[in-house]
Each structure stands twice: as C-alpha cells, then as structure tokens.
Amino acid sequence: MSVKYELIICWSESDQAFIVEVPELPGCMADGQTYVEAVTNAEVVIQEWIETAQDLGRDIPNSLKAMNDLAQPTN
C-alpha cells in the first residue's frame, strides 16, 4: 500500500536547495539541489520516519489522502 502525505516544498535562497516539509510527520524534512531530488529524498525520509515510529511503538499519523478517502460518502 502506498501512503501519500502532503509535501510543502519551497526554494531556500540561503541554502540554494529545495526544502521539503511533511506536516503530518513532525520533524520529517528533506532537501535537494533539484525539485525531483528533494521529493525523492522526502520519499526516503518518510519511509524511514514510519519505520522508526513502528520500531518505537509510536502512532503513525494517517495521510491526508487516506483521511479524505474515508470522508467520501459511499453509495
């Protein structure tokens, strides 16, 4: 199952890199010299964040996509 989290991506002039923050996962951030590199790095960091949370027995927040899917009415 692929879990999708919101990514906030911005260019940091001072770092000369794209910075990615994952709001649903506290402290989960990545960067990259290109947009694609930053997103790819974020995907790795998200997986590591989830694995670490599982190892420590911590709750893993639902992704916004999963929460939106649950909120959709069914016929």
PDB file of N, CA and C in Angstrom:
ATOM      1  N   MET A   1       0.848  -1.182   0.000  1.00  0.00           N
ATOM      2  CA  MET A   1       0.000   0.000   0.000  1.00  0.00           C
ATOM      3  C   MET A   1       0.889   1.239   0.000  1.00  0.00           C
ATOM      4  N   SER A   2       0.571   2.161  -0.850  1.00  0.00           N
ATOM      5  CA  SER A   2       1.312   3.409  -0.942  1.00  0.00           C
ATOM      6  C   SER A   2       0.580   4.485  -0.152  1.00  0.00           C
ATOM      7  N   VAL A   3       1.263   5.040   0.826  1.00  0.00           N
ATOM      8  CA  VAL A   3       0.673   6.093   1.648  1.00  0.00           C
ATOM      9  C   VAL A   3       1.186   7.427   1.134  1.00  0.00           C
ATOM     10  N   LYS A   4       0.279   8.368   0.950  1.00  0.00           N
ATOM     11  CA  LYS A   4       0.634   9.683   0.422  1.00  0.00           C
ATOM     12  C   LYS A   4       0.465  10.744   1.503  1.00  0.00           C
ATOM     13  N   TYR A   5       1.524  11.486   1.740  1.00  0.00           N
ATOM     14  CA  TYR A   5       1.488  12.588   2.691  1.00  0.00           C
ATOM     15  C   TYR A   5       1.665  13.905   1.939  1.00  0.00           C
ATOM     16  N   GLU A   6       1.088  14.948   2.508  1.00  0.00           N
ATOM     17  CA  GLU A   6       1.246  16.286   1.942  1.00  0.00           C
ATOM     18  C   GLU A   6       2.711  16.700   2.041  1.00  0.00           C
ATOM     19  N   LEU A   7       3.227  17.291   0.974  1.00  0.00           N
ATOM     20  CA  LEU A   7       4.585  17.829   0.970  1.00  0.00           C
ATOM     21  C   LEU A   7       4.503  19.334   0.763  1.00  0.00           C
ATOM     22  N   ILE A   8       5.210  20.067   1.596  1.00  0.00           N
ATOM     23  CA  ILE A   8       5.354  21.508   1.390  1.00  0.00           C
ATOM     24  C   ILE A   8       6.771  21.717   0.876  1.00  0.00           C
ATOM     25  N   ILE A   9       6.873  22.242  -0.335  1.00  0.00           N
ATOM     26  CA  ILE A   9       8.171  22.374  -0.993  1.00  0.00           C
ATOM     27  C   ILE A   9       8.424  23.847  -1.280  1.00  0.00           C
ATOM     28  N   CYS A  10       9.596  24.309  -0.877  1.00  0.00           N
ATOM     29  CA  CYS A  10       9.955  25.695  -1.168  1.00  0.00           C
ATOM     30  C   CYS A  10      11.439  25.775  -1.498  1.00  0.00           C
ATOM     31  N   TRP A  11      11.795  26.823  -2.180  1.00  0.00           N
ATOM     32  CA  TRP A  11      13.190  27.072  -2.523  1.00  0.00           C
ATOM     33  C   TRP A  11      13.817  27.910  -1.422  1.00  0.00           C
ATOM     34  N   SER A  12      14.973  27.470  -0.928  1.00  0.00           N
ATOM     35  CA  SER A  12      15.705  28.226   0.084  1.00  0.00           C
ATOM     36  C   SER A  12      16.875  28.927  -0.592  1.00  0.00           C
ATOM     37  N   GLU A  13      16.767  30.235  -0.670  1.00  0.00           N
ATOM     38  CA  GLU A  13      17.838  31.019  -1.285  1.00  0.00           C
ATOM     39  C   GLU A  13      19.136  30.865  -0.496  1.00  0.00           C
ATOM     40  N   SER A  14      19.034  30.873   0.833  1.00  0.00           N
ATOM     41  CA  SER A  14      20.241  30.784   1.663  1.00  0.00           C
ATOM     42  C   SER A  14      20.920  29.418   1.556  1.00  0.00           C
ATOM     43  N   ASP A  15      20.130  28.349   1.390  1.00  0.00           N
ATOM     44  CA  ASP A  15      20.702  27.007   1.261  1.00  0.00           C
ATOM     45  C   ASP A  15      20.949  26.619  -0.196  1.00  0.00           C
ATOM     46  N   GLN A  16      20.381  27.391  -1.112  1.00  0.00           N
ATOM     47  CA  GLN A  16      20.461  27.059  -2.535  1.00  0.00           C
ATOM     48  C   GLN A  16      19.982  25.632  -2.793  1.00  0.00           C
ATOM     49  N   ALA A  17      18.831  25.319  -2.193  1.00  0.00           N
ATOM     50  CA  ALA A  17      18.257  23.977  -2.315  1.00  0.00           C
ATOM     51  C   ALA A  17      16.753  24.060  -2.110  1.00  0.00           C
ATOM     52  N   PHE A  18      16.066  23.036  -2.615  1.00  0.00           N
ATOM     53  CA  PHE A  18      14.646  22.885  -2.335  1.00  0.00           C
ATOM     54  C   PHE A  18      14.502  22.209  -0.978  1.00  0.00           C
ATOM     55  N   ILE A  19      13.620  22.730  -0.147  1.00  0.00           N
ATOM     56  CA  ILE A  19      13.363  22.192   1.185  1.00  0.00           C
ATOM     57  C   ILE A  19      11.962  21.590   1.175  1.00  0.00           C
ATOM     58  N   VAL A  20      11.839  20.381   1.714  1.00  0.00           N
ATOM     59  CA  VAL A  20      10.551  19.688   1.769  1.00  0.00           C
ATOM     60  C   VAL A  20      10.195  19.429   3.224  1.00  0.00           C
ATOM     61  N   GLU A  21       8.986  19.795   3.605  1.00  0.00           N
ATOM     62  CA  GLU A  21       8.464  19.509   4.940  1.00  0.00           C
ATOM     63  C   GLU A  21       7.237  18.621   4.785  1.00  0.00           C
ATOM     64  N   VAL A  22       7.092  17.659   5.704  1.00  0.00           N
ATOM     65  CA  VAL A  22       5.938  16.758   5.712  1.00  0.00           C
ATOM     66  C   VAL A  22       5.144  17.083   6.975  1.00  0.00           C
ATOM     67  N   PRO A  23       4.117  17.943   6.873  1.00  0.00           N
ATOM     68  CA  PRO A  23       3.422  18.443   8.065  1.00  0.00           C
ATOM     69  C   PRO A  23       2.827  17.370   8.972  1.00  0.00           C
ATOM     70  N   GLU A  24       2.339  16.264   8.395  1.00  0.00           N
ATOM     71  CA  GLU A  24       1.710  15.225   9.226  1.00  0.00           C
ATOM     72  C   GLU A  24       2.716  14.431  10.054  1.00  0.00           C
ATOM     73  N   LEU A  25       4.000  14.510   9.673  1.00  0.00           N
ATOM     74  CA  LEU A  25       5.037  13.741  10.365  1.00  0.00           C
ATOM     75  C   LEU A  25       6.017  14.715  11.020  1.00  0.00           C
ATOM     76  N   PRO A  26       5.841  15.005  12.298  1.00  0.00           N
ATOM     77  CA  PRO A  26       6.670  16.005  12.979  1.00  0.00           C
ATOM     78  C   PRO A  26       8.170  15.753  12.804  1.00  0.00           C
ATOM     79  N   GLY A  27       8.864  16.798  12.379  1.00  0.00           N
ATOM     80  CA  GLY A  27      10.309  16.719  12.215  1.00  0.00           C
ATOM     81  C   GLY A  27      10.760  16.078  10.922  1.00  0.00           C
ATOM     82  N   CYS A  28       9.832  15.653  10.089  1.00  0.00           N
ATOM     83  CA  CYS A  28      10.174  14.969   8.839  1.00  0.00           C
ATOM     84  C   CYS A  28      10.419  16.013   7.756  1.00  0.00           C
ATOM     85  N   MET A  29      11.686  16.141   7.360  1.00  0.00           N
ATOM     86  CA  MET A  29      12.076  17.124   6.354  1.00  0.00           C
ATOM     87  C   MET A  29      13.161  16.533   5.472  1.00  0.00           C
ATOM     88  N   ALA A  30      13.295  17.088   4.284  1.00  0.00           N
ATOM     89  CA  ALA A  30      14.344  16.674   3.355  1.00  0.00           C
ATOM     90  C   ALA A  30      14.715  17.878   2.500  1.00  0.00           C
ATOM     91  N   ASP A  31      15.778  17.710   1.734  1.00  0.00           N
ATOM     92  CA  ASP A  31      16.164  18.767   0.806  1.00  0.00           C
ATOM     93  C   ASP A  31      16.801  18.144  -0.427  1.00  0.00           C
ATOM     94  N   GLY A  32      17.057  18.972  -1.413  1.00  0.00           N
ATOM     95  CA  GLY A  32      17.709  18.515  -2.630  1.00  0.00           C
ATOM     96  C   GLY A  32      18.074  19.687  -3.507  1.00  0.00           C
ATOM     97  N   GLN A  33      19.064  19.482  -4.350  1.00  0.00           N
ATOM     98  CA  GLN A  33      19.507  20.540  -5.258  1.00  0.00           C
ATOM     99  C   GLN A  33      18.495  20.807  -6.363  1.00  0.00           C
ATOM    100  N   THR A  34      17.683  19.788  -6.697  1.00  0.00           N
ATOM    101  CA  THR A  34      16.616  19.957  -7.680  1.00  0.00           C
ATOM    102  C   THR A  34      15.290  19.591  -7.023  1.00  0.00           C
ATOM    103  N   TYR A  35      14.197  19.997  -7.670  1.00  0.00           N
ATOM    104  CA  TYR A  35      12.857  19.672  -7.166  1.00  0.00           C
ATOM    105  C   TYR A  35      12.686  18.159  -7.071  1.00  0.00           C
ATOM    106  N   VAL A  36      13.061  17.452  -8.131  1.00  0.00           N
ATOM    107  CA  VAL A  36      12.902  15.994  -8.167  1.00  0.00           C
ATOM    108  C   VAL A  36      13.754  15.329  -7.088  1.00  0.00           C
ATOM    109  N   GLU A  37      14.984  15.787  -6.921  1.00  0.00           N
ATOM    110  CA  GLU A  37      15.856  15.224  -5.892  1.00  0.00           C
ATOM    111  C   GLU A  37      15.261  15.447  -4.501  1.00  0.00           C
ATOM    112  N   ALA A  38      14.707  16.615  -4.260  1.00  0.00           N
ATOM    113  CA  ALA A  38      14.115  16.910  -2.954  1.00  0.00           C
ATOM    114  C   ALA A  38      12.921  16.004  -2.674  1.00  0.00           C
ATOM    115  N   VAL A  39      12.059  15.805  -3.669  1.00  0.00           N
ATOM    116  CA  VAL A  39      10.893  14.935  -3.487  1.00  0.00           C
ATOM    117  C   VAL A  39      11.334  13.486  -3.296  1.00  0.00           C
ATOM    118  N   THR A  40      12.315  13.043  -4.070  1.00  0.00           N
ATOM    119  CA  THR A  40      12.841  11.679  -3.924  1.00  0.00           C
ATOM    120  C   THR A  40      13.420  11.481  -2.530  1.00  0.00           C
ATOM    121  N   ASN A  41      14.186  12.454  -2.055  1.00  0.00           N
ATOM    122  CA  ASN A  41      14.749  12.372  -0.703  1.00  0.00           C
ATOM    123  C   ASN A  41      13.643  12.360   0.344  1.00  0.00           C
ATOM    124  N   ALA A  42      12.586  13.127   0.112  1.00  0.00           N
ATOM    125  CA  ALA A  42      11.460  13.151   1.054  1.00  0.00           C
ATOM    126  C   ALA A  42      10.792  11.786   1.128  1.00  0.00           C
ATOM    127  N   GLU A  43      10.643  11.109  -0.005  1.00  0.00           N
ATOM    128  CA  GLU A  43      10.037   9.774  -0.006  1.00  0.00           C
ATOM    129  C   GLU A  43      10.846   8.807   0.858  1.00  0.00           C
ATOM    130  N   VAL A  44      12.169   8.896   0.777  1.00  0.00           N
ATOM    131  CA  VAL A  44      13.045   8.044   1.590  1.00  0.00           C
ATOM    132  C   VAL A  44      12.889   8.382   3.067  1.00  0.00           C
ATOM    133  N   VAL A  45      12.895   9.669   3.386  1.00  0.00           N
ATOM    134  CA  VAL A  45      12.798  10.108   4.775  1.00  0.00           C
ATOM    135  C   VAL A  45      11.436   9.746   5.374  1.00  0.00           C
ATOM    136  N   ILE A  46      10.377   9.832   4.573  1.00  0.00           N
ATOM    137  CA  ILE A  46       9.048   9.434   5.058  1.00  0.00           C
ATOM    138  C   ILE A  46       9.059   7.962   5.450  1.00  0.00           C
ATOM    139  N   GLN A  47       9.622   7.113   4.591  1.00  0.00           N
ATOM    140  CA  GLN A  47       9.679   5.684   4.894  1.00  0.00           C
ATOM    141  C   GLN A  47      10.500   5.434   6.162  1.00  0.00           C
ATOM    142  N   GLU A  48      11.630   6.121   6.296  1.00  0.00           N
ATOM    143  CA  GLU A  48      12.466   5.976   7.496  1.00  0.00           C
ATOM    144  C   GLU A  48      11.726   6.465   8.740  1.00  0.00           C
ATOM    145  N   TRP A  49      10.976   7.562   8.613  1.00  0.00           N
ATOM    146  CA  TRP A  49      10.201   8.101   9.737  1.00  0.00           C
ATOM    147  C   TRP A  49       9.191   7.062  10.198  1.00  0.00           C
ATOM    148  N   ILE A  50       8.471   6.465   9.243  1.00  0.00           N
ATOM    149  CA  ILE A  50       7.454   5.462   9.570  1.00  0.00           C
ATOM    150  C   ILE A  50       8.093   4.233  10.219  1.00  0.00           C
ATOM    151  N   GLU A  51       9.204   3.750   9.663  1.00  0.00           N
ATOM    152  CA  GLU A  51       9.888   2.580  10.225  1.00  0.00           C
ATOM    153  C   GLU A  51      10.363   2.851  11.650  1.00  0.00           C
ATOM    154  N   THR A  52      10.907   4.036  11.884  1.00  0.00           N
ATOM    155  CA  THR A  52      11.374   4.393  13.225  1.00  0.00           C
ATOM    156  C   THR A  52      10.207   4.469  14.199  1.00  0.00           C
ATOM    157  N   ALA A  53       9.107   5.078  13.774  1.00  0.00           N
ATOM    158  CA  ALA A  53       7.920   5.163  14.635  1.00  0.00           C
ATOM    159  C   ALA A  53       7.410   3.767  14.983  1.00  0.00           C
ATOM    160  N   GLN A  54       7.395   2.863  14.013  1.00  0.00           N
ATOM    161  CA  GLN A  54       6.960   1.488  14.269  1.00  0.00           C
ATOM    162  C   GLN A  54       7.890   0.808  15.266  1.00  0.00           C
ATOM    163  N   ASP A  55       9.201   0.970  15.080  1.00  0.00           N
ATOM    164  CA  ASP A  55      10.186   0.370  15.991  1.00  0.00           C
ATOM    165  C   ASP A  55      10.015   0.870  17.418  1.00  0.00           C
ATOM    166  N   LEU A  56       9.627   2.134  17.565  1.00  0.00           N
ATOM    167  CA  LEU A  56       9.467   2.739  18.887  1.00  0.00           C
ATOM    168  C   LEU A  56       8.052   2.577  19.445  1.00  0.00           C
ATOM    169  N   GLY A  57       7.179   1.947  18.675  1.00  0.00           N
ATOM    170  CA  GLY A  57       5.801   1.741  19.116  1.00  0.00           C
ATOM    171  C   GLY A  57       4.965   3.006  19.121  1.00  0.00           C
ATOM    172  N   ARG A  58       5.333   3.962  18.303  1.00  0.00           N
ATOM    173  CA  ARG A  58       4.598   5.232  18.246  1.00  0.00           C
ATOM    174  C   ARG A  58       3.513   5.182  17.177  1.00  0.00           C
ATOM    175  N   ASP A  59       2.504   6.024  17.360  1.00  0.00           N
ATOM    176  CA  ASP A  59       1.430   6.125  16.375  1.00  0.00           C
ATOM    177  C   ASP A  59       1.960   6.742  15.087  1.00  0.00           C
ATOM    178  N   ILE A  60       1.422   6.270  13.981  1.00  0.00           N
ATOM    179  CA  ILE A  60       1.768   6.819  12.673  1.00  0.00           C
ATOM    180  C   ILE A  60       0.544   7.572  12.164  1.00  0.00           C
ATOM    181  N   PRO A  61       0.684   8.883  11.963  1.00  0.00           N
ATOM    182  CA  PRO A  61      -0.467   9.673  11.504  1.00  0.00           C
ATOM    183  C   PRO A  61      -0.975   9.190  10.150  1.00  0.00           C
ATOM    184  N   ASN A  62      -2.296   9.250   9.976  1.00  0.00           N
ATOM    185  CA  ASN A  62      -2.881   8.956   8.675  1.00  0.00           C
ATOM    186  C   ASN A  62      -2.494  10.055   7.704  1.00  0.00           C
ATOM    187  N   SER A  63      -2.370   9.677   6.459  1.00  0.00           N
ATOM    188  CA  SER A  63      -2.093  10.684   5.443  1.00  0.00           C
ATOM    189  C   SER A  63      -3.368  11.461   5.149  1.00  0.00           C
ATOM    190  N   LEU A  64      -3.217  12.655   4.606  1.00  0.00           N
ATOM    191  CA  LEU A  64      -4.386  13.451   4.227  1.00  0.00           C
ATOM    192  C   LEU A  64      -5.208  12.721   3.185  1.00  0.00           C
ATOM    193  N   LYS A  65      -4.556  12.023   2.261  1.00  0.00           N
ATOM    194  CA  LYS A  65      -5.280  11.283   1.232  1.00  0.00           C
ATOM    195  C   LYS A  65      -6.141  10.207   1.873  1.00  0.00           C
ATOM    196  N   ALA A  66      -5.582   9.474   2.829  1.00  0.00           N
ATOM    197  CA  ALA A  66      -6.349   8.417   3.489  1.00  0.00           C
ATOM    198  C   ALA A  66      -7.531   9.013   4.245  1.00  0.00           C
ATOM    199  N   MET A  67      -7.314  10.132   4.921  1.00  0.00           N
ATOM    200  CA  MET A  67      -8.405  10.767   5.660  1.00  0.00           C
ATOM    201  C   MET A  67      -9.472  11.285   4.705  1.00  0.00           C
ATOM    202  N   ASN A  68      -9.058  11.847   3.558  1.00  0.00           N
ATOM    203  CA  ASN A  68     -10.024  12.326   2.570  1.00  0.00           C
ATOM    204  C   ASN A  68     -10.812  11.171   1.976  1.00  0.00           C
ATOM    205  N   ASP A  69     -10.151  10.037   1.726  1.00  0.00           N
ATOM    206  CA  ASP A  69     -10.839   8.864   1.194  1.00  0.00           C
ATOM    207  C   ASP A  69     -11.887   8.363   2.179  1.00  0.00           C
ATOM    208  N   LEU A  70     -11.563   8.390   3.467  1.00  0.00           N
ATOM    209  CA  LEU A  70     -12.507   7.934   4.481  1.00  0.00           C
ATOM    210  C   LEU A  70     -13.712   8.864   4.584  1.00  0.00           C
ATOM    211  N   ALA A  71     -13.500  10.136   4.287  1.00  0.00           N
ATOM    212  CA  ALA A  71     -14.572  11.123   4.417  1.00  0.00           C
ATOM    213  C   ALA A  71     -15.535  11.107   3.232  1.00  0.00           C
ATOM    214  N   GLN A  72     -15.156  10.445   2.139  1.00  0.00           N
ATOM    215  CA  GLN A  72     -16.012  10.409   0.955  1.00  0.00           C
ATOM    216  C   GLN A  72     -17.209   9.496   1.189  1.00  0.00           C
ATOM    217  N   PRO A  73     -18.402   9.960   0.850  1.00  0.00           N
ATOM    218  CA  PRO A  73     -19.592   9.113   1.017  1.00  0.00           C
ATOM    219  C   PRO A  73     -19.563   7.952   0.028  1.00  0.00           C
ATOM    220  N   THR A  74     -20.094   6.836   0.451  1.00  0.00           N
ATOM    221  CA  THR A  74     -20.205   5.678  -0.434  1.00  0.00           C
ATOM    222  C   THR A  74     -21.653   5.491  -0.827  1.00  0.00           C
ATOM    223  N   ASN A  75     -21.870   4.970  -2.002  1.00  0.00           N
ATOM    224  CA  ASN A  75     -23.241   4.754  -2.493  1.00  0.00           C
ATOM    225  C   ASN A  75     -23.650   3.324  -2.304  1.00  0.00           C
TER     226      ASN A  75
END
